C-alpha atoms as a PDB file:
ATOM      1  CA  GLY A   1      -0.288   0.079   0.150  1.00  0.00           C
ATOM      2  CA  ARG A   2       2.503   2.220   1.201  1.00  0.00           C
ATOM      3  CA  VAL A   3       4.591   1.708  -2.350  1.00  0.00           C
ATOM      4  CA  HIS A   4       1.262   2.495  -4.380  1.00  0.00           C
ATOM      5  CA  GLN A   5       0.155   6.299  -2.434  1.00  0.00           C
ATOM      6  CA  ASP A   6       3.997   7.662  -3.447  1.00  0.00           C
ATOM      7  CA  ASP A   7       3.352   6.259  -6.878  1.00  0.00           C
ATOM      8  CA  GLU A   8       0.342   8.686  -6.724  1.00  0.00           C
ATOM      9  CA  GLU A   9       1.496  11.499  -4.723  1.00  0.00           C
ATOM     10  CA  SER A  10       4.472  11.289  -6.935  1.00  0.00           C
ATOM     11  CA  GLU A  11       2.256  11.771 -10.709  1.00  0.00           C
ATOM     12  CA  SER A  12       0.291  14.492  -8.939  1.00  0.00           C
ATOM     13  CA  ASN A  13       3.535  16.655  -8.487  1.00  0.00           C
ATOM     14  CA  VAL A  14       4.285  16.238 -12.331  1.00  0.00           C
ATOM     15  CA  ASP A  15       4.269  19.592 -14.197  1.00  0.00           C
ATOM     16  CA  ASP A  16       1.207  19.808 -16.848  1.00  0.00           C
ATOM     17  CA  SER A  17       2.519  23.245 -17.909  1.00  0.00           C
ATOM     18  CA  ALA A  18       2.627  23.129 -21.891  1.00  0.00           C
ATOM     19  CA  PRO A  19       5.541  23.783 -23.383  1.00  0.00           C
ATOM     20  CA  PRO A  20       7.042  27.085 -24.211  1.00  0.00           C
ATOM     21  CA  ALA A  21       6.633  27.942 -27.297  1.00  0.00           C
ATOM     22  CA  MET A  22       8.700  27.810 -30.449  1.00  0.00           C
ATOM     23  CA  LEU A  23      10.735  30.020 -31.883  1.00  0.00           C
ATOM     24  CA  PRO A  24      10.562  30.830 -35.630  1.00  0.00           C
ATOM     25  CA  ALA A  25      14.134  28.765 -37.446  1.00  0.00           C
ATOM     26  CA  TRP A  26      15.250  32.928 -38.728  1.00  0.00           C
ATOM     27  CA  GLN A  27      14.595  36.087 -37.962  1.00  0.00           C
ATOM     28  CA  ASP A  28      16.417  39.028 -39.652  1.00  0.00           C
ATOM     29  CA  ASP A  29      16.652  42.264 -37.078  1.00  0.00           C
ATOM     30  CA  ASP A  30      17.364  43.743 -40.334  1.00  0.00           C
ATOM     31  CA  ASP A  31      13.918  43.711 -41.639  1.00  0.00           C
ATOM     32  CA  LEU A  32      12.459  45.846 -38.662  1.00  0.00           C
ATOM     33  CA  GLY A  33      13.748  48.824 -40.121  1.00  0.00           C
ATOM     34  CA  LEU A  34      13.711  48.051 -43.528  1.00  0.00           C
ATOM     35  CA  THR A  35      11.362  50.172 -45.602  1.00  0.00           C
ATOM     36  CA  VAL A  36      10.148  48.754 -49.686  1.00  0.00           C
ATOM     37  CA  ASP A  37       9.175  51.419 -51.888  1.00  0.00           C
ATOM     38  CA  VAL A  38       6.026  48.766 -54.133  1.00  0.00           C
ATOM     39  CA  MET A  39       6.041  51.199 -56.514  1.00  0.00           C
ATOM     40  CA  ALA A  40       9.761  51.108 -58.048  1.00  0.00           C
ATOM     41  CA  GLY A  41      10.293  47.559 -59.974  1.00  0.00           C
ATOM     42  CA  ALA A  42       8.106  45.224 -60.754  1.00  0.00           C
ATOM     43  CA  SER A  43       4.746  45.122 -61.319  1.00  0.00           C
ATOM     44  CA  ARG A  44       3.994  42.622 -59.093  1.00  0.00           C
ATOM     45  CA  MET A  45       4.939  44.013 -56.386  1.00  0.00           C
ATOM     46  CA  ARG A  46       1.951  46.843 -56.749  1.00  0.00           C
ATOM     47  CA  LYS A  47      -0.955  44.012 -55.620  1.00  0.00           C
ATOM     48  CA  LEU A  48       1.154  43.930 -52.683  1.00  0.00           C
ATOM     49  CA  ARG A  49      -0.999  47.607 -51.740  1.00  0.00           C
ATOM     50  CA  ARG A  50      -4.045  48.148 -50.175  1.00  0.00           C
ATOM     51  CA  ASP A  51      -4.900  51.366 -51.382  1.00  0.00           C
ATOM     52  CA  ARG A  52      -3.595  53.523 -53.947  1.00  0.00           C
ATOM     53  CA  THR A  53      -1.809  55.677 -51.644  1.00  0.00           C
ATOM     54  CA  GLU A  54       0.138  53.246 -50.310  1.00  0.00           C
ATOM     55  CA  HIS A  55       3.778  53.755 -52.112  1.00  0.00           C
ATOM     56  CA  ARG A  56       6.331  52.291 -49.412  1.00  0.00           C
ATOM     57  CA  LEU A  57       5.800  48.891 -46.762  1.00  0.00           C
ATOM     58  CA  ALA A  58       7.877  48.296 -43.468  1.00  0.00           C
ATOM     59  CA  GLY A  59       9.656  45.460 -43.763  1.00  0.00           C
ATOM     60  CA  GLU A  60       7.470  43.442 -41.815  1.00  0.00           C
ATOM     61  CA  GLU A  61       4.722  44.884 -43.394  1.00  0.00           C
ATOM     62  CA  TYR A  62       5.274  43.550 -46.543  1.00  0.00           C
ATOM     63  CA  GLU A  63       6.878  40.449 -45.247  1.00  0.00           C
ATOM     64  CA  ALA A  64       3.443  39.472 -44.451  1.00  0.00           C
ATOM     65  CA  ARG A  65       2.267  40.918 -47.077  1.00  0.00           C
ATOM     66  CA  LEU A  66       4.140  37.934 -49.178  1.00  0.00           C
ATOM     67  CA  ARG A  67       3.233  35.719 -47.524  1.00  0.00           C
ATOM     68  CA  ALA A  68      -0.141  35.809 -47.573  1.00  0.00           C
ATOM     69  CA  GLN A  69      -0.294  36.467 -51.268  1.00  0.00           C
ATOM     70  CA  PHE A  70       1.852  32.585 -50.831  1.00  0.00           C
ATOM     71  CA  GLU A  71      -0.840  30.937 -49.453  1.00  0.00           C
ATOM     72  CA  ALA A  72      -3.186  32.024 -50.967  1.00  0.00           C
ATOM     73  CA  THR A  73      -2.145  31.209 -54.443  1.00  0.00           C
ATOM     74  CA  GLN A  74       0.119  27.952 -53.041  1.00  0.00           C
ATOM     75  CA  PRO A  75      -2.057  24.470 -52.105  1.00  0.00           C
ATOM     76  CA  SER A  76      -1.746  24.180 -48.400  1.00  0.00           C
ATOM     77  CA  THR A  77       1.301  22.599 -46.540  1.00  0.00           C
ATOM     78  CA  SER A  78       0.022  20.214 -43.932  1.00  0.00           C
ATOM     79  CA  TRP A  79       3.731  18.999 -43.271  1.00  0.00           C
ATOM     80  CA  ALA A  80       5.095  22.272 -42.207  1.00  0.00           C
ATOM     81  CA  ALA A  81       2.381  22.591 -39.612  1.00  0.00           C
ATOM     82  CA  LEU A  82       2.651  22.248 -36.079  1.00  0.00           C
ATOM     83  CA  PRO A  83       1.094  19.516 -34.283  1.00  0.00           C
ATOM     84  CA  LYS A  84      -1.763  20.400 -32.765  1.00  0.00           C
ATOM     85  CA  LYS A  85      -2.882  19.136 -29.560  1.00  0.00           C
ATOM     86  CA  ARG A  86      -6.253  16.302 -29.936  1.00  0.00           C
ATOM     87  CA  LYS A  87      -9.517  17.478 -29.648  1.00  0.00           C
ATOM     88  CA  SER A  88     -12.125  15.148 -26.903  1.00  0.00           C
ATOM     89  CA  LYS A  89     -15.092  13.772 -28.642  1.00  0.00           C
ATOM     90  CA  LYS A  90     -16.542  16.838 -26.284  1.00  0.00           C
ATOM     91  CA  GLN A  91     -15.501  19.704 -28.633  1.00  0.00           C
ATOM     92  CA  ARG A  92     -15.078  17.232 -31.824  1.00  0.00           C
ATOM     93  CA  SER A  93     -18.806  17.440 -31.217  1.00  0.00           C
ATOM     94  CA  ARG A  94     -19.623  20.957 -30.741  1.00  0.00           C
ATOM     95  CA  ASP A  95     -17.411  21.877 -33.346  1.00  0.00           C
ATOM     96  CA  GLU A  96     -19.703  19.681 -35.788  1.00  0.00           C
ATOM     97  CA  ASP A  97     -22.605  21.047 -33.910  1.00  0.00           C
ATOM     98  CA  THR A  98     -20.976  25.040 -35.043  1.00  0.00           C
ATOM     99  CA  ILE A  99     -20.699  23.658 -38.550  1.00  0.00           C
ATOM    100  CA  ARG A 100     -24.041  22.361 -38.694  1.00  0.00           C
ATOM    101  CA  ALA A 101     -25.000  25.932 -36.855  1.00  0.00           C
ATOM    102  CA  VAL A 102     -23.965  27.798 -39.851  1.00  0.00           C
ATOM    103  CA  ASP A 103     -26.026  28.990 -42.840  1.00  0.00           C
ATOM    104  CA  PRO A 104     -24.216  30.719 -45.522  1.00  0.00           C
ATOM    105  CA  ASP A 105     -27.081  32.954 -45.984  1.00  0.00           C
ATOM    106  CA  ASP A 106     -26.039  34.268 -42.978  1.00  0.00           C
ATOM    107  CA  LEU A 107     -22.332  34.783 -43.685  1.00  0.00           C
ATOM    108  CA  ASP A 108     -22.594  38.567 -44.826  1.00  0.00           C
ATOM    109  CA  SER A 109     -25.298  39.898 -42.004  1.00  0.00           C
ATOM    110  CA  ASP A 110     -24.667  42.758 -39.494  1.00  0.00           C
ATOM    111  CA  ASP A 111     -26.174  40.536 -36.986  1.00  0.00           C
ATOM    112  CA  SER A 112     -24.903  42.833 -33.677  1.00  0.00           C
ATOM    113  CA  ASP A 113     -25.927  39.936 -31.548  1.00  0.00           C
ATOM    114  CA  ASP A 114     -22.648  37.974 -32.879  1.00  0.00           C
ATOM    115  CA  SER A 115     -19.260  39.302 -32.681  1.00  0.00           C
ATOM    116  CA  ASP A 116     -16.913  38.833 -35.202  1.00  0.00           C
ATOM    117  CA  ALA A 117     -15.150  37.140 -33.078  1.00  0.00           C
ATOM    118  CA  THR A 118     -17.890  33.453 -32.957  1.00  0.00           C
ATOM    119  CA  LEU A 119     -18.395  34.253 -36.652  1.00  0.00           C
ATOM    120  CA  GLU A 120     -14.281  33.671 -37.738  1.00  0.00           C
ATOM    121  CA  ARG A 121     -14.954  30.495 -35.581  1.00  0.00           C
ATOM    122  CA  LYS A 122     -18.241  29.893 -37.439  1.00  0.00           C
ATOM    123  CA  VAL A 123     -15.971  30.504 -41.024  1.00  0.00           C
ATOM    124  CA  GLU A 124     -12.991  28.609 -40.121  1.00  0.00           C
ATOM    125  CA  ALA A 125     -15.101  25.663 -38.753  1.00  0.00           C
ATOM    126  CA  GLN A 126     -16.436  25.446 -41.590  1.00  0.00           C
ATOM    127  CA  LEU A 127     -13.570  26.097 -43.955  1.00  0.00           C
ATOM    128  CA  ARG A 128     -11.819  23.131 -41.738  1.00  0.00           C
ATOM    129  CA  HIS A 129     -14.591  21.047 -43.006  1.00  0.00           C
ATOM    130  CA  GLY A 130     -14.849  22.007 -46.652  1.00  0.00           C
ATOM    131  CA  SER A 131     -16.286  24.843 -48.326  1.00  0.00           C
ATOM    132  CA  SER A 132     -18.969  23.492 -50.675  1.00  0.00           C
ATOM    133  CA  SER A 133     -21.844  24.241 -48.495  1.00  0.00           C
ATOM    134  CA  ILE A 134     -20.694  27.870 -48.456  1.00  0.00           C
ATOM    135  CA  LEU A 135     -19.727  28.561 -52.226  1.00  0.00           C
ATOM    136  CA  CYS A 136     -22.977  26.164 -53.583  1.00  0.00           C
ATOM    137  CA  ALA A 137     -25.892  26.987 -50.972  1.00  0.00           C
ATOM    138  CA  SER A 138     -26.191  30.555 -51.259  1.00  0.00           C
ATOM    139  CA  THR A 139     -28.183  32.346 -53.592  1.00  0.00           C
ATOM    140  CA  SER A 140     -26.986  36.068 -53.726  1.00  0.00           C
ATOM    141  CA  LEU A 141     -23.958  37.833 -54.025  1.00  0.00           C
ATOM    142  CA  PRO A 142     -23.005  40.923 -51.219  1.00  0.00           C
ATOM    143  CA  ALA A 143     -24.885  43.675 -51.767  1.00  0.00           C
ATOM    144  CA  LYS A 144     -21.880  45.936 -51.618  1.00  0.00           C
ATOM    145  CA  GLU A 145     -18.798  44.769 -52.830  1.00  0.00           C
ATOM    146  CA  LEU A 146     -17.745  41.672 -55.191  1.00  0.00           C
ATOM    147  CA  SER A 147     -14.244  41.649 -54.605  1.00  0.00           C
ATOM    148  CA  VAL A 148     -12.239  40.049 -58.514  1.00  0.00           C
ATOM    149  CA  LYS A 149      -8.973  38.942 -58.770  1.00  0.00           C
ATOM    150  CA  ARG A 150      -7.341  38.686 -62.726  1.00  0.00           C
ATOM    151  CA  THR A 151      -5.051  35.342 -62.844  1.00  0.00           C
ATOM    152  CA  THR A 152      -3.441  33.428 -65.455  1.00  0.00           C
ATOM    153  CA  ASP A 153      -5.966  31.210 -67.901  1.00  0.00           C
ATOM    154  CA  LEU A 154      -6.834  27.794 -66.556  1.00  0.00           C
ATOM    155  CA  ASN A 155      -6.198  26.149 -69.346  1.00  0.00           C
ATOM    156  CA  ALA A 156      -2.853  28.670 -70.427  1.00  0.00           C
ATOM    157  CA  ALA A 157       0.300  25.962 -70.484  1.00  0.00           C
ATOM    158  CA  GLY A 158      -2.067  23.438 -72.747  1.00  0.00           C
ATOM    159  CA  ILE A 159      -4.430  26.207 -74.626  1.00  0.00           C
ATOM    160  CA  SER A 160      -7.195  23.404 -76.757  1.00  0.00           C
ATOM    161  CA  SER A 161      -6.992  23.607 -80.605  1.00  0.00           C
ATOM    162  CA  SER A 162     -10.989  24.565 -80.389  1.00  0.00           C
ATOM    163  CA  SER A 163     -13.208  25.472 -77.880  1.00  0.00           C
ATOM    164  CA  VAL A 164     -13.542  23.656 -74.028  1.00  0.00           C
ATOM    165  CA  SER A 165     -16.868  22.506 -73.232  1.00  0.00           C
ATOM    166  CA  THR A 166     -16.638  20.696 -70.038  1.00  0.00           C
ATOM    167  CA  VAL A 167     -14.487  22.090 -67.637  1.00  0.00           C
ATOM    168  CA  ASP A 168     -14.605  20.325 -63.860  1.00  0.00           C
ATOM    169  CA  TRP A 169     -12.943  21.255 -60.721  1.00  0.00           C
ATOM    170  CA  HIS A 170     -10.992  18.640 -58.326  1.00  0.00           C
ATOM    171  CA  PRO A 171     -13.129  18.816 -54.953  1.00  0.00           C
ATOM    172  CA  ASN A 172     -10.464  20.948 -52.901  1.00  0.00           C
ATOM    173  CA  ALA A 173      -9.906  23.338 -56.396  1.00  0.00           C
ATOM    174  CA  GLN A 174      -5.936  22.577 -57.041  1.00  0.00           C
ATOM    175  CA  LEU A 175      -6.888  20.207 -60.062  1.00  0.00           C
ATOM    176  CA  ALA A 176      -8.777  20.946 -63.028  1.00  0.00           C
ATOM    177  CA  LEU A 177      -9.911  18.759 -65.448  1.00  0.00           C
ATOM    178  CA  THR A 178     -10.440  20.923 -69.537  1.00  0.00           C
ATOM    179  CA  SER A 179     -11.680  18.924 -72.289  1.00  0.00           C
ATOM    180  CA  GLY A 180     -13.555  19.819 -75.999  1.00  0.00           C
ATOM    181  CA  PHE A 181     -14.339  19.005 -79.212  1.00  0.00           C
ATOM    182  CA  ASP A 182     -10.496  18.368 -79.734  1.00  0.00           C
ATOM    183  CA  LYS A 183     -11.642  15.555 -78.661  1.00  0.00           C
ATOM    184  CA  THR A 184      -8.308  15.719 -75.963  1.00  0.00           C
ATOM    185  CA  VAL A 185      -9.300  16.265 -72.550  1.00  0.00           C
ATOM    186  CA  ARG A 186      -6.069  17.391 -69.929  1.00  0.00           C
ATOM    187  CA  LEU A 187      -5.588  17.867 -66.381  1.00  0.00           C
ATOM    188  CA  PHE A 188      -3.393  21.236 -64.711  1.00  0.00           C
ATOM    189  CA  ARG A 189      -2.880  21.665 -61.473  1.00  0.00           C
ATOM    190  CA  ILE A 190      -3.944  24.657 -60.353  1.00  0.00           C
ATOM    191  CA  ASP A 191      -2.214  27.451 -58.570  1.00  0.00           C
ATOM    192  CA  GLY A 192      -3.342  30.951 -59.996  1.00  0.00           C
ATOM    193  CA  GLN A 193      -0.698  32.502 -61.795  1.00  0.00           C
ATOM    194  CA  ARG A 194       1.163  29.348 -63.868  1.00  0.00           C
ATOM    195  CA  ASN A 195      -1.748  26.475 -63.904  1.00  0.00           C
ATOM    196  CA  THR A 196       1.368  23.730 -64.891  1.00  0.00           C
ATOM    197  CA  LEU A 197      -0.716  20.909 -67.522  1.00  0.00           C
ATOM    198  CA  ILE A 198       0.497  17.571 -65.494  1.00  0.00           C
ATOM    199  CA  GLN A 199      -1.740  15.584 -68.220  1.00  0.00           C
ATOM    200  CA  SER A 200      -2.952  15.486 -71.973  1.00  0.00           C
ATOM    201  CA  VAL A 201      -4.920  12.368 -73.213  1.00  0.00           C
ATOM    202  CA  HIS A 202      -6.179  12.538 -77.117  1.00  0.00           C
ATOM    203  CA  LEU A 203      -9.054  10.258 -76.991  1.00  0.00           C
END
């Protein structure tokens, strides 16, 4: 009995605190004093501006905008994400209830009862489990503003010799298939910039 009690006491004295947050592998102190002129040089730097009056960006802001642009155009790198704590069944069930509670038409509403943080959590949960219901279920576009971004043509790397009659998307929106009257099926990897031709099959 005595040994068993000592074991229980030693287990209760174990520190349950979380490990310290991981630091970046590389941090350049020169970036703090850096100012980047986005109007000079290549026109692709101008895309980093949020309005036409911006001409210079601080180093940290420049890095943040480059990172955001990269994440928006490149496939997700799940292998590089830090491991998260495993959710309990109760938490998973709560997340699923939140997902079911999201009405896509409510995402654009200005309901004062719902805080921005709550809405953001709902949208994140919905996007984690597939965005098809958000993309398909909404019946109307936002009334005030529609965001449009010009990207490279889907089939720029393998243009069809006739009109394209069919386009089909993979559920993760990173692959697209085109076909047309030239009897050729083409598979593209979509990144918004190069849209690489993966394979072309003549039927």
